[in-house]
PDB file of N, CA and C in Angstrom:
ATOM      1  N   MET A   1     123.721 142.423 128.715  1.00  0.00           N
ATOM      2  CA  MET A   1     123.812 141.299 127.832  1.00  0.00           C
ATOM      3  C   MET A   1     122.451 140.635 127.857  1.00  0.00           C
ATOM      4  N   ARG A   2     121.782 140.525 128.712  1.00  0.00           N
ATOM      5  CA  ARG A   2     120.439 139.871 128.488  1.00  0.00           C
ATOM      6  C   ARG A   2     119.666 140.730 127.240  1.00  0.00           C
ATOM      7  N   ALA A   3     119.728 141.852 127.443  1.00  0.00           N
ATOM      8  CA  ALA A   3     119.085 142.629 126.271  1.00  0.00           C
ATOM      9  C   ALA A   3     119.722 142.623 124.644  1.00  0.00           C
ATOM     10  N   LEU A   4     120.790 142.172 124.698  1.00  0.00           N
ATOM     11  CA  LEU A   4     121.404 141.859 123.512  1.00  0.00           C
ATOM     12  C   LEU A   4     121.082 140.522 123.008  1.00  0.00           C
ATOM     13  N   LEU A   5     121.022 139.299 124.018  1.00  0.00           N
ATOM     14  CA  LEU A   5     120.576 138.090 123.353  1.00  0.00           C
ATOM     15  C   LEU A   5     118.932 138.292 123.202  1.00  0.00           C
ATOM     16  N   VAL A   6     118.104 139.065 123.716  1.00  0.00           N
ATOM     17  CA  VAL A   6     116.733 138.993 123.313  1.00  0.00           C
ATOM     18  C   VAL A   6     116.790 139.794 122.059  1.00  0.00           C
ATOM     19  N   ALA A   7     117.670 140.793 121.700  1.00  0.00           N
ATOM     20  CA  ALA A   7     117.745 141.417 120.271  1.00  0.00           C
ATOM     21  C   ALA A   7     117.957 140.375 119.369  1.00  0.00           C
ATOM     22  N   LEU A   8     119.045 139.421 119.618  1.00  0.00           N
ATOM     23  CA  LEU A   8     119.358 138.609 118.415  1.00  0.00           C
ATOM     24  C   LEU A   8     118.344 137.598 118.309  1.00  0.00           C
ATOM     25  N   LEU A   9     117.733 137.005 119.382  1.00  0.00           N
ATOM     26  CA  LEU A   9     116.635 136.361 119.262  1.00  0.00           C
ATOM     27  C   LEU A   9     115.447 136.653 118.504  1.00  0.00           C
ATOM     28  N   VAL A  10     115.098 137.823 118.468  1.00  0.00           N
ATOM     29  CA  VAL A  10     114.116 138.413 117.877  1.00  0.00           C
ATOM     30  C   VAL A  10     114.594 138.878 116.440  1.00  0.00           C
ATOM     31  N   ALA A  11     115.706 139.126 116.052  1.00  0.00           N
ATOM     32  CA  ALA A  11     116.175 139.660 114.925  1.00  0.00           C
ATOM     33  C   ALA A  11     116.384 138.402 114.006  1.00  0.00           C
ATOM     34  N   ALA A  12     116.736 136.938 114.742  1.00  0.00           N
ATOM     35  CA  ALA A  12     116.917 135.980 113.717  1.00  0.00           C
ATOM     36  C   ALA A  12     115.882 135.498 112.992  1.00  0.00           C
ATOM     37  N   PRO A  13     115.995 135.032 111.848  1.00  0.00           N
ATOM     38  CA  PRO A  13     114.758 134.720 110.902  1.00  0.00           C
ATOM     39  C   PRO A  13     114.450 133.303 111.351  1.00  0.00           C
ATOM     40  N   ALA A  14     113.079 133.137 111.430  1.00  0.00           N
ATOM     41  CA  ALA A  14     112.469 131.889 111.910  1.00  0.00           C
ATOM     42  C   ALA A  14     112.723 130.755 110.952  1.00  0.00           C
ATOM     43  N   ALA A  15     113.054 129.631 111.469  1.00  0.00           N
ATOM     44  CA  ALA A  15     113.171 128.598 110.845  1.00  0.00           C
ATOM     45  C   ALA A  15     112.069 127.977 109.930  1.00  0.00           C
ATOM     46  N   THR A  16     112.035 127.578 108.760  1.00  0.00           N
ATOM     47  CA  THR A  16     110.884 127.334 108.034  1.00  0.00           C
ATOM     48  C   THR A  16     110.767 125.799 107.992  1.00  0.00           C
ATOM     49  N   ALA A  17     109.639 125.326 108.266  1.00  0.00           N
ATOM     50  CA  ALA A  17     109.388 123.853 108.685  1.00  0.00           C
ATOM     51  C   ALA A  17     109.263 123.356 107.263  1.00  0.00           C
ATOM     52  N   CYS A  18     109.925 122.035 106.858  1.00  0.00           N
ATOM     53  CA  CYS A  18     109.946 121.416 105.852  1.00  0.00           C
ATOM     54  C   CYS A  18     108.597 120.723 105.851  1.00  0.00           C
ATOM     55  N   GLU A  19     107.827 120.878 104.737  1.00  0.00           N
ATOM     56  CA  GLU A  19     106.412 120.399 104.688  1.00  0.00           C
ATOM     57  C   GLU A  19     106.310 119.670 103.337  1.00  0.00           C
ATOM     58  N   LEU A  20     105.392 118.585 103.151  1.00  0.00           N
ATOM     59  CA  LEU A  20     104.954 118.280 101.837  1.00  0.00           C
ATOM     60  C   LEU A  20     103.429 118.048 102.032  1.00  0.00           C
ATOM     61  N   PRO A  21     102.627 119.139 101.251  1.00  0.00           N
ATOM     62  CA  PRO A  21     101.222 119.278 101.414  1.00  0.00           C
ATOM     63  C   PRO A  21     100.525 117.910 100.986  1.00  0.00           C
ATOM     64  N   GLY A  22      99.628 117.332 101.546  1.00  0.00           N
ATOM     65  CA  GLY A  22      98.878 116.344 100.986  1.00  0.00           C
ATOM     66  C   GLY A  22      98.805 115.289 101.819  1.00  0.00           C
ATOM     67  N   GLY A  23      99.208 115.120 102.993  1.00  0.00           N
ATOM     68  CA  GLY A  23      99.106 114.216 103.955  1.00  0.00           C
ATOM     69  C   GLY A  23     100.444 113.512 104.287  1.00  0.00           C
ATOM     70  N   ALA A  24     100.402 112.254 105.114  1.00  0.00           N
ATOM     71  CA  ALA A  24     101.491 111.546 105.373  1.00  0.00           C
ATOM     72  C   ALA A  24     102.573 111.264 104.573  1.00  0.00           C
ATOM     73  N   ALA A  25     103.921 111.397 104.578  1.00  0.00           N
ATOM     74  CA  ALA A  25     105.146 111.400 104.162  1.00  0.00           C
ATOM     75  C   ALA A  25     106.155 110.606 104.683  1.00  0.00           C
ATOM     76  N   GLN A  26     106.903 109.866 103.977  1.00  0.00           N
ATOM     77  CA  GLN A  26     108.170 109.323 104.565  1.00  0.00           C
ATOM     78  C   GLN A  26     109.269 110.292 104.682  1.00  0.00           C
ATOM     79  N   LYS A  27     110.041 110.192 105.713  1.00  0.00           N
ATOM     80  CA  LYS A  27     111.194 111.314 106.032  1.00  0.00           C
ATOM     81  C   LYS A  27     112.501 110.543 105.791  1.00  0.00           C
ATOM     82  N   ILE A  28     113.424 110.892 105.081  1.00  0.00           N
ATOM     83  CA  ILE A  28     114.772 110.586 105.139  1.00  0.00           C
ATOM     84  C   ILE A  28     115.628 111.779 105.363  1.00  0.00           C
ATOM     85  N   GLN A  29     117.015 111.718 106.249  1.00  0.00           N
ATOM     86  CA  GLN A  29     117.471 112.725 106.862  1.00  0.00           C
ATOM     87  C   GLN A  29     119.096 112.254 106.383  1.00  0.00           C
ATOM     88  N   SER A  30     119.725 113.442 105.798  1.00  0.00           N
ATOM     89  CA  SER A  30     121.180 113.171 105.512  1.00  0.00           C
ATOM     90  C   SER A  30     121.711 114.123 106.460  1.00  0.00           C
ATOM     91  N   GLY A  31     123.149 114.291 106.255  1.00  0.00           N
ATOM     92  CA  GLY A  31     123.890 115.277 106.895  1.00  0.00           C
ATOM     93  C   GLY A  31     123.482 116.635 106.827  1.00  0.00           C
ATOM     94  N   LYS A  32     123.018 117.073 105.668  1.00  0.00           N
ATOM     95  CA  LYS A  32     122.698 118.371 105.434  1.00  0.00           C
ATOM     96  C   LYS A  32     121.215 118.718 104.943  1.00  0.00           C
ATOM     97  N   TYR A  33     120.473 117.700 104.542  1.00  0.00           N
ATOM     98  CA  TYR A  33     119.154 117.647 103.674  1.00  0.00           C
ATOM     99  C   TYR A  33     118.098 116.719 104.727  1.00  0.00           C
ATOM    100  N   LEU A  34     116.942 117.196 104.522  1.00  0.00           N
ATOM    101  CA  LEU A  34     115.780 116.347 105.008  1.00  0.00           C
ATOM    102  C   LEU A  34     114.889 116.170 103.702  1.00  0.00           C
ATOM    103  N   VAL A  35     114.585 115.146 103.117  1.00  0.00           N
ATOM    104  CA  VAL A  35     113.525 114.734 102.092  1.00  0.00           C
ATOM    105  C   VAL A  35     112.394 114.131 102.643  1.00  0.00           C
ATOM    106  N   LEU A  36     111.433 114.781 102.314  1.00  0.00           N
ATOM    107  CA  LEU A  36     109.960 114.112 102.642  1.00  0.00           C
ATOM    108  C   LEU A  36     109.434 113.428 101.260  1.00  0.00           C
ATOM    109  N   TYR A  37     108.810 112.148 101.244  1.00  0.00           N
ATOM    110  CA  TYR A  37     108.491 111.891  99.835  1.00  0.00           C
ATOM    111  C   TYR A  37     107.047 111.117 100.120  1.00  0.00           C
ATOM    112  N   ARG A  38     106.444 110.980  99.213  1.00  0.00           N
ATOM    113  CA  ARG A  38     105.207 110.044  99.105  1.00  0.00           C
ATOM    114  C   ARG A  38     104.985 109.526  97.781  1.00  0.00           C
ATOM    115  N   ALA A  39     104.894 108.192  97.562  1.00  0.00           N
ATOM    116  CA  ALA A  39     104.834 107.233  96.455  1.00  0.00           C
ATOM    117  C   ALA A  39     103.316 107.614  95.958  1.00  0.00           C
ATOM    118  N   ASN A  40     103.137 107.385  94.730  1.00  0.00           N
ATOM    119  CA  ASN A  40     101.651 107.220  94.144  1.00  0.00           C
ATOM    120  C   ASN A  40     101.709 106.447  93.002  1.00  0.00           C
ATOM    121  N   PRO A  41     101.210 105.313  92.821  1.00  0.00           N
ATOM    122  CA  PRO A  41     100.311 104.906  93.760  1.00  0.00           C
ATOM    123  C   PRO A  41     101.042 104.154  95.212  1.00  0.00           C
ATOM    124  N   ALA A  42     100.589 104.024  96.253  1.00  0.00           N
ATOM    125  CA  ALA A  42     101.358 103.287  97.181  1.00  0.00           C
ATOM    126  C   ALA A  42     100.197 102.112  97.803  1.00  0.00           C
ATOM    127  N   PRO A  43     100.736 101.142  98.491  1.00  0.00           N
ATOM    128  CA  PRO A  43     102.364 100.888  98.655  1.00  0.00           C
ATOM    129  C   PRO A  43     102.858 100.365  97.212  1.00  0.00           C
ATOM    130  N   LEU A  44     104.383 100.516  97.137  1.00  0.00           N
ATOM    131  CA  LEU A  44     104.989 100.081  95.772  1.00  0.00           C
ATOM    132  C   LEU A  44     104.825  98.536  95.266  1.00  0.00           C
ATOM    133  N   LYS A  45     104.655  98.233  94.146  1.00  0.00           N
ATOM    134  CA  LYS A  45     104.766  96.861  93.870  1.00  0.00           C
ATOM    135  C   LYS A  45     105.623  96.705  92.662  1.00  0.00           C
ATOM    136  N   VAL A  46     106.041  95.565  92.490  1.00  0.00           N
ATOM    137  CA  VAL A  46     107.028  94.969  91.397  1.00  0.00           C
ATOM    138  C   VAL A  46     106.278  95.215  90.005  1.00  0.00           C
ATOM    139  N   GLY A  47     107.183  95.871  89.261  1.00  0.00           N
ATOM    140  CA  GLY A  47     106.712  96.012  87.999  1.00  0.00           C
ATOM    141  C   GLY A  47     105.628  96.978  87.728  1.00  0.00           C
ATOM    142  N   GLN A  48     105.311  97.780  88.547  1.00  0.00           N
ATOM    143  CA  GLN A  48     104.211  98.774  88.478  1.00  0.00           C
ATOM    144  C   GLN A  48     105.033 100.394  88.325  1.00  0.00           C
ATOM    145  N   HIS A  49     104.636 100.975  87.438  1.00  0.00           N
ATOM    146  CA  HIS A  49     105.059 102.587  87.305  1.00  0.00           C
ATOM    147  C   HIS A  49     104.547 103.363  88.812  1.00  0.00           C
ATOM    148  N   PHE A  50     105.337 104.284  89.189  1.00  0.00           N
ATOM    149  CA  PHE A  50     104.784 104.947  90.302  1.00  0.00           C
ATOM    150  C   PHE A  50     105.430 106.399  90.129  1.00  0.00           C
ATOM    151  N   ALA A  51     104.954 107.324  90.829  1.00  0.00           N
ATOM    152  CA  ALA A  51     105.643 108.696  91.058  1.00  0.00           C
ATOM    153  C   ALA A  51     105.978 109.029  92.273  1.00  0.00           C
ATOM    154  N   LEU A  52     106.751 110.200  92.553  1.00  0.00           N
ATOM    155  CA  LEU A  52     107.135 110.634  93.936  1.00  0.00           C
ATOM    156  C   LEU A  52     106.760 111.952  93.878  1.00  0.00           C
ATOM    157  N   GLU A  53     106.034 112.263  94.837  1.00  0.00           N
ATOM    158  CA  GLU A  53     106.025 113.754  95.257  1.00  0.00           C
ATOM    159  C   GLU A  53     107.080 114.005  96.415  1.00  0.00           C
ATOM    160  N   PHE A  54     107.586 115.106  96.243  1.00  0.00           N
ATOM    161  CA  PHE A  54     108.496 115.137  97.375  1.00  0.00           C
ATOM    162  C   PHE A  54     109.011 116.659  97.650  1.00  0.00           C
ATOM    163  N   ALA A  55     109.878 117.006  98.798  1.00  0.00           N
ATOM    164  CA  ALA A  55     110.348 118.316  99.006  1.00  0.00           C
ATOM    165  C   ALA A  55     111.450 117.922  99.576  1.00  0.00           C
ATOM    166  N   VAL A  56     112.510 118.886  99.429  1.00  0.00           N
ATOM    167  CA  VAL A  56     113.925 119.006 100.041  1.00  0.00           C
ATOM    168  C   VAL A  56     114.063 120.153 100.860  1.00  0.00           C
ATOM    169  N   CYS A  57     114.789 120.107 101.826  1.00  0.00           N
ATOM    170  CA  CYS A  57     115.135 121.060 102.701  1.00  0.00           C
ATOM    171  C   CYS A  57     116.417 121.054 103.419  1.00  0.00           C
ATOM    172  N   PRO A  58     117.277 122.114 103.431  1.00  0.00           N
ATOM    173  CA  PRO A  58     116.878 123.356 102.724  1.00  0.00           C
ATOM    174  C   PRO A  58     116.839 123.171 101.123  1.00  0.00           C
ATOM    175  N   ALA A  59     116.402 124.061 100.613  1.00  0.00           N
ATOM    176  CA  ALA A  59     116.085 124.147  99.141  1.00  0.00           C
ATOM    177  C   ALA A  59     117.345 124.104  98.276  1.00  0.00           C
ATOM    178  N   PRO A  60     117.434 122.925  97.495  1.00  0.00           N
ATOM    179  CA  PRO A  60     118.545 122.778  96.552  1.00  0.00           C
ATOM    180  C   PRO A  60     118.490 123.571  95.297  1.00  0.00           C
ATOM    181  N   GLU A  61     119.658 123.478  94.631  1.00  0.00           N
ATOM    182  CA  GLU A  61     119.598 124.047  93.241  1.00  0.00           C
ATOM    183  C   GLU A  61     118.770 123.148  92.350  1.00  0.00           C
ATOM    184  N   SER A  62     119.015 121.771  92.344  1.00  0.00           N
ATOM    185  CA  SER A  62     118.423 120.626  91.564  1.00  0.00           C
ATOM    186  C   SER A  62     118.434 119.169  92.243  1.00  0.00           C
ATOM    187  N   VAL A  63     117.582 118.365  91.912  1.00  0.00           N
ATOM    188  CA  VAL A  63     117.457 117.058  92.519  1.00  0.00           C
ATOM    189  C   VAL A  63     117.094 116.025  91.249  1.00  0.00           C
ATOM    190  N   ARG A  64     118.053 115.079  91.405  1.00  0.00           N
ATOM    191  CA  ARG A  64     117.755 113.924  90.644  1.00  0.00           C
ATOM    192  C   ARG A  64     117.262 112.632  91.259  1.00  0.00           C
ATOM    193  N   VAL A  65     116.380 111.796  90.846  1.00  0.00           N
ATOM    194  CA  VAL A  65     115.737 110.667  91.415  1.00  0.00           C
ATOM    195  C   VAL A  65     116.232 109.481  90.642  1.00  0.00           C
ATOM    196  N   ASP A  66     116.623 108.261  91.613  1.00  0.00           N
ATOM    197  CA  ASP A  66     116.994 107.332  90.855  1.00  0.00           C
ATOM    198  C   ASP A  66     116.712 106.069  92.103  1.00  0.00           C
ATOM    199  N   ALA A  67     117.114 104.886  91.369  1.00  0.00           N
ATOM    200  CA  ALA A  67     116.751 103.743  92.307  1.00  0.00           C
ATOM    201  C   ALA A  67     117.635 102.592  91.775  1.00  0.00           C
ATOM    202  N   SER A  68     118.326 101.747  92.657  1.00  0.00           N
ATOM    203  CA  SER A  68     119.271 101.021  92.192  1.00  0.00           C
ATOM    204  C   SER A  68     119.325  99.660  93.219  1.00  0.00           C
ATOM    205  N   MET A  69     119.667  98.466  92.748  1.00  0.00           N
ATOM    206  CA  MET A  69     119.795  97.253  93.590  1.00  0.00           C
ATOM    207  C   MET A  69     121.374  97.045  93.798  1.00  0.00           C
ATOM    208  N   PRO A  70     121.864  97.462  95.034  1.00  0.00           N
ATOM    209  CA  PRO A  70     123.316  97.354  95.314  1.00  0.00           C
ATOM    210  C   PRO A  70     123.746  95.936  95.019  1.00  0.00           C
ATOM    211  N   GLU A  71     123.046  94.980  95.718  1.00  0.00           N
ATOM    212  CA  GLU A  71     123.053  93.616  95.549  1.00  0.00           C
ATOM    213  C   GLU A  71     123.384  93.030  94.247  1.00  0.00           C
ATOM    214  N   HIS A  72     122.512  93.512  93.486  1.00  0.00           N
ATOM    215  CA  HIS A  72     122.506  92.987  92.072  1.00  0.00           C
ATOM    216  C   HIS A  72     123.435  94.024  91.013  1.00  0.00           C
ATOM    217  N   LYS A  73     123.756  95.149  91.550  1.00  0.00           N
ATOM    218  CA  LYS A  73     124.813  95.866  90.827  1.00  0.00           C
ATOM    219  C   LYS A  73     123.859  96.521  89.552  1.00  0.00           C
ATOM    220  N   HIS A  74     122.855  96.843  89.778  1.00  0.00           N
ATOM    221  CA  HIS A  74     121.807  97.409  88.554  1.00  0.00           C
ATOM    222  C   HIS A  74     121.062  98.591  89.193  1.00  0.00           C
ATOM    223  N   GLY A  75     120.417  99.188  88.300  1.00  0.00           N
ATOM    224  CA  GLY A  75     119.412 100.028  88.746  1.00  0.00           C
ATOM    225  C   GLY A  75     118.374  99.949  87.795  1.00  0.00           C
ATOM    226  N   MET A  76     117.243 100.856  87.734  1.00  0.00           N
ATOM    227  CA  MET A  76     116.086 100.630  87.232  1.00  0.00           C
ATOM    228  C   MET A  76     116.231 100.588  85.472  1.00  0.00           C
ATOM    229  N   ASN A  77     115.014 100.134  84.920  1.00  0.00           N
ATOM    230  CA  ASN A  77     115.373 100.211  83.460  1.00  0.00           C
ATOM    231  C   ASN A  77     114.710 101.280  82.901  1.00  0.00           C
ATOM    232  N   TYR A  78     114.501 102.342  83.645  1.00  0.00           N
ATOM    233  CA  TYR A  78     113.626 103.615  83.169  1.00  0.00           C
ATOM    234  C   TYR A  78     114.455 104.720  83.862  1.00  0.00           C
ATOM    235  N   ARG A  79     114.424 105.841  83.378  1.00  0.00           N
ATOM    236  CA  ARG A  79     114.886 107.184  83.753  1.00  0.00           C
ATOM    237  C   ARG A  79     113.731 108.093  84.176  1.00  0.00           C
ATOM    238  N   PRO A  80     113.816 108.391  85.321  1.00  0.00           N
ATOM    239  CA  PRO A  80     112.328 109.205  85.731  1.00  0.00           C
ATOM    240  C   PRO A  80     112.725 110.852  85.330  1.00  0.00           C
ATOM    241  N   THR A  81     111.806 111.547  85.187  1.00  0.00           N
ATOM    242  CA  THR A  81     111.794 112.923  85.131  1.00  0.00           C
ATOM    243  C   THR A  81     111.275 113.755  86.294  1.00  0.00           C
ATOM    244  N   VAL A  82     111.949 114.737  86.688  1.00  0.00           N
ATOM    245  CA  VAL A  82     111.627 115.466  87.915  1.00  0.00           C
ATOM    246  C   VAL A  82     111.458 116.936  87.564  1.00  0.00           C
ATOM    247  N   THR A  83     110.248 117.064  87.931  1.00  0.00           N
ATOM    248  CA  THR A  83     109.672 118.708  87.729  1.00  0.00           C
ATOM    249  C   THR A  83     109.522 119.203  89.120  1.00  0.00           C
ATOM    250  N   GLY A  84     109.890 120.478  89.031  1.00  0.00           N
ATOM    251  CA  GLY A  84     109.878 121.737  90.346  1.00  0.00           C
ATOM    252  C   GLY A  84     111.065 122.074  90.586  1.00  0.00           C
ATOM    253  N   SER A  85     111.386 123.034  91.229  1.00  0.00           N
ATOM    254  CA  SER A  85     112.428 123.664  91.467  1.00  0.00           C
ATOM    255  C   SER A  85     112.389 124.292  92.987  1.00  0.00           C
ATOM    256  N   GLY A  86     113.648 124.618  93.236  1.00  0.00           N
ATOM    257  CA  GLY A  86     113.673 125.601  94.561  1.00  0.00           C
ATOM    258  C   GLY A  86     113.169 125.065  95.617  1.00  0.00           C
ATOM    259  N   GLU A  87     112.128 125.702  96.117  1.00  0.00           N
ATOM    260  CA  GLU A  87     111.384 125.523  97.378  1.00  0.00           C
ATOM    261  C   GLU A  87     110.416 124.005  97.424  1.00  0.00           C
ATOM    262  N   GLY A  88     110.128 123.925  96.106  1.00  0.00           N
ATOM    263  CA  GLY A  88     109.443 122.522  95.707  1.00  0.00           C
ATOM    264  C   GLY A  88     107.760 122.997  95.897  1.00  0.00           C
ATOM    265  N   PRO A  89     107.049 121.963  96.070  1.00  0.00           N
ATOM    266  CA  PRO A  89     107.498 120.503  96.177  1.00  0.00           C
ATOM    267  C   PRO A  89     107.851 120.045  94.615  1.00  0.00           C
ATOM    268  N   TYR A  90     108.436 118.986  94.454  1.00  0.00           N
ATOM    269  CA  TYR A  90     108.910 118.341  93.182  1.00  0.00           C
ATOM    270  C   TYR A  90     108.078 117.193  92.808  1.00  0.00           C
ATOM    271  N   ARG A  91     108.066 116.742  91.793  1.00  0.00           N
ATOM    272  CA  ARG A  91     107.352 115.379  91.167  1.00  0.00           C
ATOM    273  C   ARG A  91     108.474 114.711  90.549  1.00  0.00           C
ATOM    274  N   ALA A  92     108.461 113.407  90.794  1.00  0.00           N
ATOM    275  CA  ALA A  92     109.470 112.460  90.035  1.00  0.00           C
ATOM    276  C   ALA A  92     108.224 111.511  89.461  1.00  0.00           C
ATOM    277  N   GLU A  93     108.399 111.384  87.979  1.00  0.00           N
ATOM    278  CA  GLU A  93     107.506 110.535  87.104  1.00  0.00           C
ATOM    279  C   GLU A  93     108.382 109.433  86.352  1.00  0.00           C
ATOM    280  N   GLY A  94     107.731 108.242  86.234  1.00  0.00           N
ATOM    281  CA  GLY A  94     108.516 107.350  85.270  1.00  0.00           C
ATOM    282  C   GLY A  94     109.185 106.183  86.033  1.00  0.00           C
ATOM    283  N   LEU A  95     109.224 106.053  87.447  1.00  0.00           N
ATOM    284  CA  LEU A  95     109.955 105.172  88.331  1.00  0.00           C
ATOM    285  C   LEU A  95     109.291 103.811  88.084  1.00  0.00           C
ATOM    286  N   MET A  96     109.988 102.776  88.184  1.00  0.00           N
ATOM    287  CA  MET A  96     109.458 101.368  88.057  1.00  0.00           C
ATOM    288  C   MET A  96     110.652 100.391  88.634  1.00  0.00           C
ATOM    289  N   LEU A  97     110.220  99.748  89.696  1.00  0.00           N
ATOM    290  CA  LEU A  97     111.262  98.809  90.427  1.00  0.00           C
ATOM    291  C   LEU A  97     110.638  97.429  89.878  1.00  0.00           C
ATOM    292  N   HIS A  98     111.723  96.831  88.944  1.00  0.00           N
ATOM    293  CA  HIS A  98     111.180  95.526  88.012  1.00  0.00           C
ATOM    294  C   HIS A  98     111.534  94.299  88.543  1.00  0.00           C
ATOM    295  N   MET A  99     111.765  94.191  89.789  1.00  0.00           N
ATOM    296  CA  MET A  99     112.002  92.985  90.474  1.00  0.00           C
ATOM    297  C   MET A  99     111.932  93.090  91.930  1.00  0.00           C
ATOM    298  N   ALA A 100     111.757  91.898  92.330  1.00  0.00           N
ATOM    299  CA  ALA A 100     111.705  91.877  94.007  1.00  0.00           C
ATOM    300  C   ALA A 100     112.919  91.978  94.517  1.00  0.00           C
ATOM    301  N   GLY A 101     113.137  92.454  95.903  1.00  0.00           N
ATOM    302  CA  GLY A 101     114.531  92.471  96.717  1.00  0.00           C
ATOM    303  C   GLY A 101     114.647  93.893  97.123  1.00  0.00           C
ATOM    304  N   LYS A 102     115.822  94.048  97.326  1.00  0.00           N
ATOM    305  CA  LYS A 102     116.228  95.417  98.138  1.00  0.00           C
ATOM    306  C   LYS A 102     116.694  96.372  97.366  1.00  0.00           C
ATOM    307  N   TRP A 103     115.851  97.341  97.459  1.00  0.00           N
ATOM    308  CA  TRP A 103     116.298  98.668  96.383  1.00  0.00           C
ATOM    309  C   TRP A 103     116.538  99.900  97.360  1.00  0.00           C
ATOM    310  N   GLU A 104     117.588 100.655  96.719  1.00  0.00           N
ATOM    311  CA  GLU A 104     117.794 102.125  97.304  1.00  0.00           C
ATOM    312  C   GLU A 104     117.328 103.295  96.236  1.00  0.00           C
ATOM    313  N   LEU A 105     116.406 103.942  97.155  1.00  0.00           N
ATOM    314  CA  LEU A 105     115.886 105.036  96.327  1.00  0.00           C
ATOM    315  C   LEU A 105     116.595 106.018  96.678  1.00  0.00           C
ATOM    316  N   VAL A 106     117.346 107.040  95.823  1.00  0.00           N
ATOM    317  CA  VAL A 106     118.368 107.819  95.934  1.00  0.00           C
ATOM    318  C   VAL A 106     117.854 109.203  95.380  1.00  0.00           C
ATOM    319  N   PHE A 107     117.827 110.148  95.996  1.00  0.00           N
ATOM    320  CA  PHE A 107     117.737 111.569  95.873  1.00  0.00           C
ATOM    321  C   PHE A 107     119.108 112.444  95.714  1.00  0.00           C
ATOM    322  N   GLU A 108     119.367 112.755  94.641  1.00  0.00           N
ATOM    323  CA  GLU A 108     120.993 113.339  94.347  1.00  0.00           C
ATOM    324  C   GLU A 108     120.391 114.935  94.497  1.00  0.00           C
ATOM    325  N   VAL A 109     120.836 115.350  95.747  1.00  0.00           N
ATOM    326  CA  VAL A 109     120.669 116.826  95.795  1.00  0.00           C
ATOM    327  C   VAL A 109     122.086 117.679  95.488  1.00  0.00           C
ATOM    328  N   ARG A 110     121.760 118.462  94.563  1.00  0.00           N
ATOM    329  CA  ARG A 110     123.006 119.330  94.233  1.00  0.00           C
ATOM    330  C   ARG A 110     122.575 121.021  94.677  1.00  0.00           C
ATOM    331  N   ALA A 111     123.680 121.652  95.295  1.00  0.00           N
ATOM    332  CA  ALA A 111     123.523 122.727  95.643  1.00  0.00           C
ATOM    333  C   ALA A 111     125.052 123.481  95.536  1.00  0.00           C
ATOM    334  N   LYS A 112     125.359 124.588  95.046  1.00  0.00           N
ATOM    335  CA  LYS A 112     126.611 125.005  94.630  1.00  0.00           C
ATOM    336  C   LYS A 112     127.264 124.146  93.977  1.00  0.00           C
ATOM    337  N   ASP A 113     128.519 123.445  94.273  1.00  0.00           N
ATOM    338  CA  ASP A 113     129.399 122.756  93.787  1.00  0.00           C
ATOM    339  C   ASP A 113     129.467 121.391  94.412  1.00  0.00           C
ATOM    340  N   ALA A 114     128.607 121.185  95.262  1.00  0.00           N
ATOM    341  CA  ALA A 114     128.558 120.083  96.159  1.00  0.00           C
ATOM    342  C   ALA A 114     127.468 119.066  95.693  1.00  0.00           C
ATOM    343  N   VAL A 115     127.356 117.752  95.665  1.00  0.00           N
ATOM    344  CA  VAL A 115     126.232 116.856  95.451  1.00  0.00           C
ATOM    345  C   VAL A 115     126.084 116.113  96.775  1.00  0.00           C
ATOM    346  N   GLU A 116     124.980 115.593  97.305  1.00  0.00           N
ATOM    347  CA  GLU A 116     124.723 114.846  98.215  1.00  0.00           C
ATOM    348  C   GLU A 116     123.569 113.816  98.087  1.00  0.00           C
ATOM    349  N   ARG A 117     123.931 112.679  98.531  1.00  0.00           N
ATOM    350  CA  ARG A 117     123.036 111.580  98.246  1.00  0.00           C
ATOM    351  C   ARG A 117     122.087 111.399  99.431  1.00  0.00           C
ATOM    352  N   VAL A 118     120.836 111.372  99.294  1.00  0.00           N
ATOM    353  CA  VAL A 118     120.129 111.143 100.449  1.00  0.00           C
ATOM    354  C   VAL A 118     119.286 109.986 100.019  1.00  0.00           C
ATOM    355  N   VAL A 119     119.377 108.515 100.878  1.00  0.00           N
ATOM    356  CA  VAL A 119     119.217 107.268 100.309  1.00  0.00           C
ATOM    357  C   VAL A 119     118.090 106.847 101.143  1.00  0.00           C
ATOM    358  N   GLN A 120     117.300 106.080 100.792  1.00  0.00           N
ATOM    359  CA  GLN A 120     116.299 104.947 101.575  1.00  0.00           C
ATOM    360  C   GLN A 120     116.191 103.889 101.134  1.00  0.00           C
ATOM    361  N   THR A 121     116.211 102.829 101.986  1.00  0.00           N
ATOM    362  CA  THR A 121     116.009 101.411 101.515  1.00  0.00           C
ATOM    363  C   THR A 121     114.760 101.091 101.363  1.00  0.00           C
ATOM    364  N   ILE A 122     114.584 100.359 100.583  1.00  0.00           N
ATOM    365  CA  ILE A 122     113.123  99.690 100.218  1.00  0.00           C
ATOM    366  C   ILE A 122     113.046  98.281  99.828  1.00  0.00           C
ATOM    367  N   ARG A 123     112.190  97.350 100.380  1.00  0.00           N
ATOM    368  CA  ARG A 123     112.391  96.199 100.189  1.00  0.00           C
ATOM    369  C   ARG A 123     111.031  95.570  99.559  1.00  0.00           C
ATOM    370  N   LEU A 124     111.056  95.155  98.397  1.00  0.00           N
ATOM    371  CA  LEU A 124     109.963  94.579  97.827  1.00  0.00           C
ATOM    372  C   LEU A 124     109.639  93.186  97.627  1.00  0.00           C
ATOM    373  N   GLU A 125     108.730  92.570  97.773  1.00  0.00           N
ATOM    374  CA  GLU A 125     108.306  91.224  97.841  1.00  0.00           C
ATOM    375  C   GLU A 125     107.593  90.679  96.662  1.00  0.00           C
TER     376      GLU A 125
END
């Protein structure tokens, strides 16, 4: 029995660590996905365009990025573009939070026929 357990452990693939090269990153965990992201420039400021560098683990088929203000029932005035695929890293450009308040940064992760939203709350003063 012990030999079988050792054989299974040796044969199991090693888990790939989720990384975003280039320094410290924010982490958001959902039921299935881990998203690491970094804003550029940081910190985020009202009315200033910014980009996000990010990684998603496990690797999805595609990712969309958006932001909204749930209390105001509206989103950004801009539609960001996302480049990158598979293992990543990804880059989203063209984001701007145009007013102060509570925002939700949303990574919409698609794999097979399922979509999962990974959300981070951001408060801008």
